[in-house]
Amino acid sequence: MDIKELVPKHKSDFDRINDLKKLSLDQIRPILPDLLEWLQDINWPIAIEVEEILIGFQEELVPHLKNIFNVVDGQWKYFLLYGLIKRLPDEVLVELKEDLERMLYYPTRDEIDEELDDILKKLLQRIM
């Protein structure tokens, strides 16, 4: 089976989520960017389940998160910071420090609109 077939197709696609939960991290790895897209709105029914799958990847998420930090989608950043990123261990946060500082001290319009400064300060305090 092509792993791409297990990328959820809609916001209530629990069948695919349940199939993903049966796989190893190695099997899921190729679709990490696709799964991160399901965290664009934490109110989607499958979002928390996707987050539970992704948290197992820890430092492997860093390059994908850095890519997301460069898109114009403050809401996605908000949901990631308050959810998945907040749950990452400090040693992984250190790898995101430069991006977190950039968003705090030199925010883009979308980051200002989402009022990310509080969560950014809390995350940075953890690693200072």
N, C-alpha and C. Protein backbone atom coordinates (compact mmCIF):
# COMPACT_ATOMS: atom_id res chain seq x y z
N MET A 1 0.83 -1.18 0.00
CA MET A 1 0.00 0.00 0.00
C MET A 1 0.88 1.25 0.00
N ASP A 2 0.46 2.22 -0.78
CA ASP A 2 1.13 3.51 -0.83
C ASP A 2 0.74 4.30 0.42
N ILE A 3 1.72 4.75 1.19
CA ILE A 3 1.46 5.47 2.44
C ILE A 3 0.63 6.74 2.19
N LYS A 4 0.76 7.33 1.02
CA LYS A 4 -0.03 8.53 0.68
C LYS A 4 -1.53 8.25 0.74
N GLU A 5 -1.90 7.00 0.57
CA GLU A 5 -3.31 6.62 0.64
C GLU A 5 -3.86 6.77 2.06
N LEU A 6 -2.98 6.85 3.04
CA LEU A 6 -3.42 6.97 4.43
C LEU A 6 -3.46 8.40 4.93
N VAL A 7 -3.15 9.36 4.08
CA VAL A 7 -3.31 10.76 4.45
C VAL A 7 -4.81 11.01 4.55
N PRO A 8 -5.26 11.57 5.67
CA PRO A 8 -6.71 11.83 5.80
C PRO A 8 -7.24 12.66 4.63
N LYS A 9 -8.46 12.32 4.24
CA LYS A 9 -9.10 12.99 3.11
C LYS A 9 -10.07 14.08 3.53
N HIS A 10 -10.55 14.01 4.78
CA HIS A 10 -11.49 15.02 5.28
C HIS A 10 -11.32 15.14 6.78
N LYS A 11 -11.89 16.18 7.36
CA LYS A 11 -11.64 16.51 8.76
C LYS A 11 -12.23 15.52 9.77
N SER A 12 -12.99 14.55 9.31
CA SER A 12 -13.51 13.50 10.20
C SER A 12 -13.07 12.12 9.74
N ASP A 13 -11.94 12.04 9.09
CA ASP A 13 -11.46 10.77 8.51
C ASP A 13 -10.74 9.91 9.56
N PHE A 14 -11.50 9.46 10.55
CA PHE A 14 -10.93 8.64 11.62
C PHE A 14 -10.51 7.26 11.15
N ASP A 15 -11.07 6.78 10.05
CA ASP A 15 -10.65 5.48 9.53
C ASP A 15 -9.17 5.51 9.16
N ARG A 16 -8.75 6.56 8.46
CA ARG A 16 -7.33 6.66 8.09
C ARG A 16 -6.46 6.91 9.32
N ILE A 17 -6.96 7.70 10.26
CA ILE A 17 -6.20 7.94 11.50
C ILE A 17 -5.97 6.63 12.23
N ASN A 18 -6.99 5.81 12.33
CA ASN A 18 -6.85 4.52 13.01
C ASN A 18 -5.87 3.61 12.29
N ASP A 19 -5.87 3.67 10.96
CA ASP A 19 -4.90 2.88 10.19
C ASP A 19 -3.48 3.40 10.44
N LEU A 20 -3.31 4.71 10.52
CA LEU A 20 -1.99 5.29 10.78
C LEU A 20 -1.46 4.89 12.14
N LYS A 21 -2.33 4.82 13.11
CA LYS A 21 -1.92 4.45 14.47
C LYS A 21 -1.34 3.05 14.55
N LYS A 22 -1.63 2.22 13.58
CA LYS A 22 -1.14 0.84 13.56
C LYS A 22 0.26 0.74 12.94
N LEU A 23 0.73 1.85 12.38
CA LEU A 23 2.02 1.84 11.67
C LEU A 23 3.15 2.33 12.55
N SER A 24 4.36 2.01 12.14
CA SER A 24 5.54 2.51 12.84
C SER A 24 5.84 3.94 12.38
N LEU A 25 6.67 4.61 13.16
CA LEU A 25 7.09 5.97 12.79
C LEU A 25 7.82 5.94 11.45
N ASP A 26 8.61 4.90 11.21
CA ASP A 26 9.33 4.79 9.93
C ASP A 26 8.36 4.76 8.75
N GLN A 27 7.25 4.09 8.93
CA GLN A 27 6.28 3.99 7.84
C GLN A 27 5.55 5.32 7.61
N ILE A 28 5.33 6.06 8.68
CA ILE A 28 4.58 7.31 8.61
C ILE A 28 5.44 8.48 8.13
N ARG A 29 6.73 8.42 8.38
CA ARG A 29 7.67 9.51 8.11
C ARG A 29 7.48 10.20 6.75
N PRO A 30 7.25 9.47 5.66
CA PRO A 30 7.13 10.16 4.36
C PRO A 30 5.96 11.13 4.24
N ILE A 31 4.97 11.01 5.13
CA ILE A 31 3.81 11.90 5.01
C ILE A 31 3.73 12.93 6.14
N LEU A 32 4.85 13.18 6.82
CA LEU A 32 4.84 14.17 7.90
C LEU A 32 4.30 15.53 7.43
N PRO A 33 4.76 16.08 6.31
CA PRO A 33 4.22 17.38 5.89
C PRO A 33 2.70 17.34 5.66
N ASP A 34 2.22 16.24 5.11
CA ASP A 34 0.79 16.11 4.86
C ASP A 34 0.00 16.08 6.17
N LEU A 35 0.54 15.40 7.16
CA LEU A 35 -0.13 15.31 8.45
C LEU A 35 -0.11 16.65 9.18
N LEU A 36 0.99 17.37 9.08
CA LEU A 36 1.06 18.69 9.72
C LEU A 36 -0.01 19.64 9.19
N GLU A 37 -0.41 19.46 7.94
CA GLU A 37 -1.47 20.30 7.39
C GLU A 37 -2.78 20.12 8.14
N TRP A 38 -2.96 18.97 8.77
CA TRP A 38 -4.19 18.72 9.52
C TRP A 38 -4.19 19.41 10.88
N LEU A 39 -3.13 20.14 11.17
CA LEU A 39 -3.09 20.94 12.40
C LEU A 39 -3.32 22.42 12.10
N GLN A 40 -3.78 22.72 10.90
CA GLN A 40 -4.09 24.10 10.54
C GLN A 40 -5.29 24.63 11.31
N ASP A 41 -6.12 23.73 11.79
CA ASP A 41 -7.26 24.13 12.61
C ASP A 41 -7.49 23.03 13.64
N ILE A 42 -7.16 23.32 14.88
CA ILE A 42 -7.25 22.33 15.95
C ILE A 42 -8.70 21.95 16.24
N ASN A 43 -9.64 22.69 15.70
CA ASN A 43 -11.05 22.38 15.89
C ASN A 43 -11.55 21.28 14.96
N TRP A 44 -10.75 20.92 13.96
CA TRP A 44 -11.14 19.81 13.10
C TRP A 44 -11.14 18.54 13.95
N PRO A 45 -12.13 17.69 13.79
CA PRO A 45 -12.24 16.50 14.65
C PRO A 45 -10.98 15.63 14.72
N ILE A 46 -10.24 15.49 13.63
CA ILE A 46 -9.07 14.61 13.65
C ILE A 46 -7.79 15.29 14.11
N ALA A 47 -7.82 16.59 14.32
CA ALA A 47 -6.59 17.34 14.60
C ALA A 47 -5.85 16.83 15.84
N ILE A 48 -6.55 16.60 16.92
CA ILE A 48 -5.89 16.12 18.15
C ILE A 48 -5.29 14.74 17.93
N GLU A 49 -5.97 13.90 17.19
CA GLU A 49 -5.45 12.55 16.90
C GLU A 49 -4.19 12.64 16.04
N VAL A 50 -4.18 13.54 15.09
CA VAL A 50 -3.00 13.75 14.25
C VAL A 50 -1.85 14.25 15.11
N GLU A 51 -2.14 15.18 16.00
CA GLU A 51 -1.10 15.70 16.90
C GLU A 51 -0.49 14.57 17.73
N GLU A 52 -1.32 13.65 18.20
CA GLU A 52 -0.83 12.52 18.99
C GLU A 52 0.13 11.65 18.17
N ILE A 53 -0.16 11.49 16.90
CA ILE A 53 0.74 10.72 16.03
C ILE A 53 2.05 11.49 15.84
N LEU A 54 1.95 12.77 15.58
CA LEU A 54 3.13 13.58 15.26
C LEU A 54 4.07 13.78 16.44
N ILE A 55 3.55 13.84 17.65
CA ILE A 55 4.40 14.11 18.81
C ILE A 55 5.52 13.06 18.95
N GLY A 56 5.30 11.89 18.43
CA GLY A 56 6.32 10.85 18.48
C GLY A 56 7.55 11.13 17.65
N PHE A 57 7.47 12.08 16.75
CA PHE A 57 8.59 12.36 15.85
C PHE A 57 9.62 13.33 16.43
N GLN A 58 9.23 14.10 17.43
CA GLN A 58 10.13 14.99 18.15
C GLN A 58 11.01 15.83 17.21
N GLU A 59 12.34 15.62 17.24
CA GLU A 59 13.26 16.48 16.49
C GLU A 59 13.10 16.35 14.97
N GLU A 60 12.51 15.26 14.52
CA GLU A 60 12.29 15.12 13.07
C GLU A 60 11.27 16.14 12.55
N LEU A 61 10.50 16.71 13.44
CA LEU A 61 9.52 17.72 13.05
C LEU A 61 10.16 19.07 12.76
N VAL A 62 11.35 19.30 13.28
CA VAL A 62 11.97 20.62 13.21
C VAL A 62 12.03 21.20 11.80
N PRO A 63 12.57 20.50 10.81
CA PRO A 63 12.63 21.13 9.47
C PRO A 63 11.24 21.44 8.90
N HIS A 64 10.28 20.60 9.21
CA HIS A 64 8.92 20.83 8.72
C HIS A 64 8.29 22.04 9.42
N LEU A 65 8.53 22.16 10.72
CA LEU A 65 8.01 23.31 11.46
C LEU A 65 8.66 24.60 10.97
N LYS A 66 9.96 24.55 10.70
CA LYS A 66 10.65 25.73 10.18
C LYS A 66 10.04 26.17 8.85
N ASN A 67 9.66 25.23 8.02
CA ASN A 67 9.01 25.56 6.75
C ASN A 67 7.67 26.26 7.00
N ILE A 68 6.91 25.75 7.96
CA ILE A 68 5.62 26.34 8.27
C ILE A 68 5.79 27.75 8.82
N PHE A 69 6.83 27.97 9.61
CA PHE A 69 7.06 29.31 10.16
C PHE A 69 7.32 30.34 9.07
N ASN A 70 7.62 29.89 7.86
CA ASN A 70 7.89 30.81 6.75
C ASN A 70 6.70 31.02 5.83
N VAL A 71 5.56 30.43 6.16
CA VAL A 71 4.36 30.68 5.36
C VAL A 71 3.52 31.76 6.04
N VAL A 72 2.65 32.36 5.27
CA VAL A 72 1.77 33.39 5.80
C VAL A 72 0.47 32.71 6.24
N ASP A 73 0.48 32.19 7.46
CA ASP A 73 -0.70 31.54 8.04
C ASP A 73 -0.55 31.59 9.56
N GLY A 74 -0.86 32.75 10.12
CA GLY A 74 -0.72 32.96 11.55
C GLY A 74 -1.55 32.01 12.38
N GLN A 75 -2.73 31.65 11.87
CA GLN A 75 -3.59 30.73 12.63
C GLN A 75 -2.94 29.36 12.76
N TRP A 76 -2.33 28.87 11.69
CA TRP A 76 -1.65 27.58 11.73
C TRP A 76 -0.51 27.63 12.74
N LYS A 77 0.26 28.70 12.70
CA LYS A 77 1.35 28.88 13.66
C LYS A 77 0.80 28.90 15.08
N TYR A 78 -0.30 29.60 15.29
CA TYR A 78 -0.94 29.68 16.61
C TYR A 78 -1.28 28.28 17.12
N PHE A 79 -1.98 27.50 16.30
CA PHE A 79 -2.38 26.16 16.72
C PHE A 79 -1.17 25.27 16.97
N LEU A 80 -0.14 25.40 16.16
CA LEU A 80 1.08 24.61 16.38
C LEU A 80 1.78 25.00 17.67
N LEU A 81 1.91 26.29 17.91
CA LEU A 81 2.62 26.76 19.11
C LEU A 81 1.90 26.36 20.39
N TYR A 82 0.57 26.49 20.41
CA TYR A 82 -0.19 26.17 21.60
C TYR A 82 -0.46 24.67 21.76
N GLY A 83 -0.20 23.91 20.71
CA GLY A 83 -0.45 22.48 20.76
C GLY A 83 0.84 21.68 20.68
N LEU A 84 1.15 21.24 19.50
CA LEU A 84 2.28 20.35 19.25
C LEU A 84 3.60 20.90 19.77
N ILE A 85 3.93 22.13 19.45
CA ILE A 85 5.24 22.69 19.82
C ILE A 85 5.36 22.84 21.33
N LYS A 86 4.29 23.24 21.97
CA LYS A 86 4.29 23.38 23.44
C LYS A 86 4.58 22.04 24.12
N ARG A 87 4.23 20.96 23.47
CA ARG A 87 4.42 19.61 24.03
C ARG A 87 5.82 19.03 23.75
N LEU A 88 6.58 19.68 22.89
CA LEU A 88 7.91 19.16 22.55
C LEU A 88 8.87 19.37 23.72
N PRO A 89 9.82 18.47 23.89
CA PRO A 89 10.82 18.64 24.95
C PRO A 89 11.73 19.85 24.67
N ASP A 90 12.32 20.36 25.73
CA ASP A 90 13.16 21.55 25.62
C ASP A 90 14.30 21.39 24.62
N GLU A 91 14.87 20.21 24.54
CA GLU A 91 16.00 20.01 23.61
C GLU A 91 15.56 20.15 22.15
N VAL A 92 14.30 19.92 21.86
CA VAL A 92 13.79 20.15 20.51
C VAL A 92 13.46 21.63 20.33
N LEU A 93 12.92 22.25 21.37
CA LEU A 93 12.63 23.69 21.31
C LEU A 93 13.89 24.50 21.01
N VAL A 94 15.00 24.07 21.56
CA VAL A 94 16.27 24.77 21.32
C VAL A 94 16.55 24.86 19.82
N GLU A 95 16.19 23.81 19.09
CA GLU A 95 16.41 23.81 17.64
C GLU A 95 15.50 24.79 16.92
N LEU A 96 14.43 25.20 17.57
CA LEU A 96 13.49 26.16 16.99
C LEU A 96 13.70 27.57 17.52
N LYS A 97 14.67 27.74 18.40
CA LYS A 97 14.87 29.01 19.10
C LYS A 97 14.96 30.20 18.16
N GLU A 98 15.76 30.10 17.14
CA GLU A 98 15.94 31.22 16.20
C GLU A 98 14.61 31.63 15.58
N ASP A 99 13.80 30.67 15.20
CA ASP A 99 12.51 30.96 14.59
C ASP A 99 11.54 31.56 15.61
N LEU A 100 11.56 31.04 16.83
CA LEU A 100 10.70 31.56 17.89
C LEU A 100 11.07 33.01 18.21
N GLU A 101 12.36 33.28 18.28
CA GLU A 101 12.82 34.65 18.53
C GLU A 101 12.44 35.58 17.39
N ARG A 102 12.59 35.12 16.17
CA ARG A 102 12.21 35.95 15.01
C ARG A 102 10.73 36.31 15.08
N MET A 103 9.87 35.33 15.40
CA MET A 103 8.44 35.61 15.47
C MET A 103 8.10 36.55 16.62
N LEU A 104 8.86 36.48 17.71
CA LEU A 104 8.61 37.35 18.85
C LEU A 104 9.09 38.77 18.59
N TYR A 105 10.32 38.92 18.11
CA TYR A 105 10.93 40.24 17.97
C TYR A 105 10.70 40.91 16.61
N TYR A 106 10.46 40.12 15.58
CA TYR A 106 10.24 40.65 14.23
C TYR A 106 9.05 39.94 13.58
N PRO A 107 7.88 40.04 14.19
CA PRO A 107 6.72 39.30 13.68
C PRO A 107 6.21 39.85 12.35
N THR A 108 5.68 38.93 11.58
CA THR A 108 5.01 39.31 10.33
C THR A 108 3.59 39.76 10.67
N ARG A 109 2.91 40.31 9.72
CA ARG A 109 1.54 40.79 9.95
C ARG A 109 0.63 39.67 10.48
N ASP A 110 0.72 38.49 9.87
CA ASP A 110 -0.14 37.38 10.30
C ASP A 110 0.19 36.93 11.73
N GLU A 111 1.44 37.03 12.12
CA GLU A 111 1.85 36.65 13.48
C GLU A 111 1.37 37.69 14.50
N ILE A 112 1.41 38.96 14.10
CA ILE A 112 0.89 40.03 14.97
C ILE A 112 -0.61 39.85 15.16
N ASP A 113 -1.31 39.58 14.08
CA ASP A 113 -2.76 39.41 14.14
C ASP A 113 -3.18 38.27 15.06
N GLU A 114 -2.38 37.23 15.13
CA GLU A 114 -2.70 36.07 15.98
C GLU A 114 -2.21 36.22 17.41
N GLU A 115 -1.52 37.32 17.71
CA GLU A 115 -1.05 37.60 19.07
C GLU A 115 -0.25 36.43 19.65
N LEU A 116 0.81 36.08 18.96
CA LEU A 116 1.63 34.94 19.34
C LEU A 116 2.64 35.26 20.44
N ASP A 117 2.79 36.53 20.81
CA ASP A 117 3.87 36.91 21.72
C ASP A 117 3.82 36.20 23.07
N ASP A 118 2.64 35.98 23.65
CA ASP A 118 2.57 35.32 24.96
C ASP A 118 3.13 33.90 24.93
N ILE A 119 2.69 33.11 23.96
CA ILE A 119 3.16 31.73 23.88
C ILE A 119 4.63 31.70 23.49
N LEU A 120 5.06 32.60 22.63
CA LEU A 120 6.47 32.64 22.25
C LEU A 120 7.35 32.94 23.46
N LYS A 121 6.95 33.90 24.29
CA LYS A 121 7.71 34.22 25.50
C LYS A 121 7.80 33.01 26.42
N LYS A 122 6.71 32.31 26.60
CA LYS A 122 6.70 31.13 27.48
C LYS A 122 7.61 30.02 26.94
N LEU A 123 7.55 29.79 25.65
CA LEU A 123 8.41 28.75 25.06
C LEU A 123 9.88 29.14 25.16
N LEU A 124 10.18 30.39 24.90
CA LEU A 124 11.58 30.83 24.98
C LEU A 124 12.08 30.81 26.42
N GLN A 125 11.24 31.13 27.38
CA GLN A 125 11.66 31.07 28.80
C GLN A 125 12.06 29.64 29.19
N ARG A 126 11.41 28.67 28.61
CA ARG A 126 11.75 27.27 28.91
C ARG A 126 13.18 26.92 28.51
N ILE A 127 13.68 27.59 27.48
CA ILE A 127 14.99 27.19 26.95
C ILE A 127 16.09 28.23 27.21
N MET A 128 15.80 29.25 27.98
CA MET A 128 16.82 30.26 28.28
C MET A 128 17.64 29.85 29.48
